Protein backbone atom coordinates (compact mmCIF):
# COMPACT_ATOMS: atom_id res chain seq x y z
CA MET A 1 -1.89 -42.65 -22.12
CA CYS A 2 -4.86 -41.68 -20.15
CA SER A 3 -2.86 -42.60 -17.00
CA LYS A 4 -0.08 -40.26 -17.87
CA ASN A 5 -2.88 -37.49 -18.64
CA LEU A 6 -4.44 -38.22 -15.03
CA PHE A 7 -1.32 -38.10 -13.53
CA ILE A 8 -0.22 -34.73 -15.08
CA SER A 9 -3.64 -33.41 -14.24
CA LEU A 10 -3.26 -34.43 -10.52
CA ALA A 11 0.07 -32.82 -10.24
CA LEU A 12 -0.80 -29.57 -11.67
CA ILE A 13 -3.99 -29.41 -9.28
CA LEU A 14 -1.68 -30.02 -6.45
CA VAL A 15 0.76 -27.27 -7.49
CA LEU A 16 -1.90 -24.59 -8.49
CA VAL A 17 -4.51 -24.69 -6.10
CA PRO A 18 -2.22 -23.84 -2.88
CA MET A 19 -0.86 -21.13 -4.91
CA ILE A 20 -4.58 -19.73 -6.00
CA VAL A 21 -5.90 -19.81 -2.08
CA SER A 22 -2.69 -18.12 -0.97
CA PHE A 23 -3.21 -15.00 -3.40
CA PRO A 24 -4.38 -11.99 -1.09
CA ARG A 25 -8.16 -11.59 -1.75
CA HIS A 26 -9.80 -8.12 -2.78
CA HIS A 27 -6.26 -6.58 -2.26
CA THR A 28 -7.07 -3.75 -4.49
CA LEU A 29 -10.41 -3.23 -3.22
CA THR A 30 -9.25 -3.08 0.27
CA LYS A 31 -6.48 -0.28 -0.76
CA ARG A 32 -9.22 1.65 -2.62
CA SER A 33 -11.66 1.65 0.47
CA SER A 34 -8.83 2.72 2.59
CA PHE A 35 -8.09 5.63 0.24
CA PHE A 36 -11.75 7.04 0.95
CA ASP A 37 -11.50 5.88 4.81
CA ILE A 38 -8.24 8.24 5.13
CA GLU A 39 -10.34 11.03 3.67
CA CYS A 40 -8.41 11.35 0.22
CA LYS A 41 -10.57 13.54 -2.34
CA GLY A 42 -8.15 13.49 -5.33
CA VAL A 43 -7.68 10.86 -8.13
CA PHE A 44 -7.29 7.12 -6.81
CA ASN A 45 -3.93 6.03 -8.41
CA LYS A 46 -2.69 2.72 -7.31
CA SER A 47 0.82 2.98 -7.69
CA ILE A 48 1.12 6.51 -5.92
CA PHE A 49 -1.13 5.28 -3.11
CA PHE A 50 1.19 2.05 -2.69
CA ARG A 51 4.22 4.44 -2.74
CA LEU A 52 2.78 6.43 0.04
CA ASP A 53 1.40 3.64 1.71
CA ARG A 54 4.72 1.67 1.96
CA ILE A 55 6.19 4.87 3.52
CA CYS A 56 3.85 4.54 6.39
CA GLU A 57 4.35 0.90 6.49
CA ASP A 58 8.35 1.42 6.69
CA CYS A 59 8.04 3.95 9.22
CA TYR A 60 5.77 1.59 11.19
CA SER A 61 8.44 -1.47 10.91
CA LEU A 62 11.15 1.10 12.40
CA PHE A 63 9.35 2.18 15.32
CA ARG A 64 6.78 -0.94 15.87
CA GLU A 65 4.36 1.60 17.50
CA PRO A 66 0.90 0.30 17.01
CA GLN A 67 -0.99 3.46 16.21
CA LEU A 68 1.75 4.96 13.79
CA HIS A 69 0.81 3.39 10.44
CA SER A 70 -2.93 5.08 10.77
CA LEU A 71 -1.57 8.25 12.09
CA CYS A 72 0.62 8.41 9.27
CA LYS A 73 -1.88 7.93 6.56
CA LYS A 74 -4.52 10.07 8.55
CA ARG A 75 -6.03 12.74 6.62
CA CYS A 76 -4.70 11.47 3.46
CA PHE A 77 -0.62 11.37 4.23
CA THR A 78 -1.03 15.13 5.56
CA THR A 79 -0.26 14.96 9.20
CA GLU A 80 2.87 15.66 10.90
CA TYR A 81 3.42 11.78 11.54
CA PHE A 82 3.82 11.32 7.95
CA LYS A 83 6.41 14.29 7.83
CA GLY A 84 7.91 12.73 10.70
CA CYS A 85 8.00 9.37 8.96
CA LEU A 86 9.62 10.99 5.89
CA ASP A 87 12.50 12.56 7.89
CA ALA A 88 12.97 9.41 10.04
CA LEU A 89 13.30 7.25 6.93
CA GLN A 90 15.70 9.62 5.39
CA LEU A 91 13.71 10.51 2.50
CA THR A 92 13.74 14.21 2.56
CA ASP A 93 15.77 14.24 -0.76
CA GLU A 94 12.39 13.05 -2.19
CA GLN A 95 10.31 15.38 -0.74
CA GLU A 96 9.16 17.21 -3.46
CA ILE A 97 8.06 14.19 -5.69
CA ILE A 98 6.31 13.10 -2.59
CA LYS A 99 4.50 16.29 -2.30
CA THR A 100 3.16 15.88 -6.02
CA TYR A 101 2.09 12.32 -5.20
CA VAL A 102 0.28 13.62 -1.95
CA LYS A 103 -1.12 16.32 -3.87
CA ALA A 104 -2.65 14.08 -6.59
CA ILE A 105 -4.35 11.85 -4.29
CA ASN A 106 -5.23 14.47 -1.69
CA GLY A 107 -6.62 16.95 -4.27
CA ALA A 108 -5.11 19.69 -2.52
CA GLU A 109 -1.43 20.98 -1.87
CA PRO A 110 -0.08 19.50 0.91
CA ILE A 111 1.52 21.17 4.00
CA LEU A 112 4.88 19.00 4.21
């Protein structure tokens, strides 16, 4: 009985430890500090921020330009690069909802 419990405990450790170690550390904290780094002055909303950031990540993946991701996010997603990414990713049909997202985290009306 004792050896069976020991075996189960070891098996769980061998499975769980690699999973725990592989989790990203402070991922939300990193995204939140990025929120302030790109001069956002509105309310931090994790899901909205991740959605807008994903647009920039997808745009970078499309063009593979090293500076594109940061230029897209610059000034809290209000640059011409962000608008260009919306066009390139064919997200113009979602432009109105994206404007409301940018307004919420930017704290002002975006120029898109």
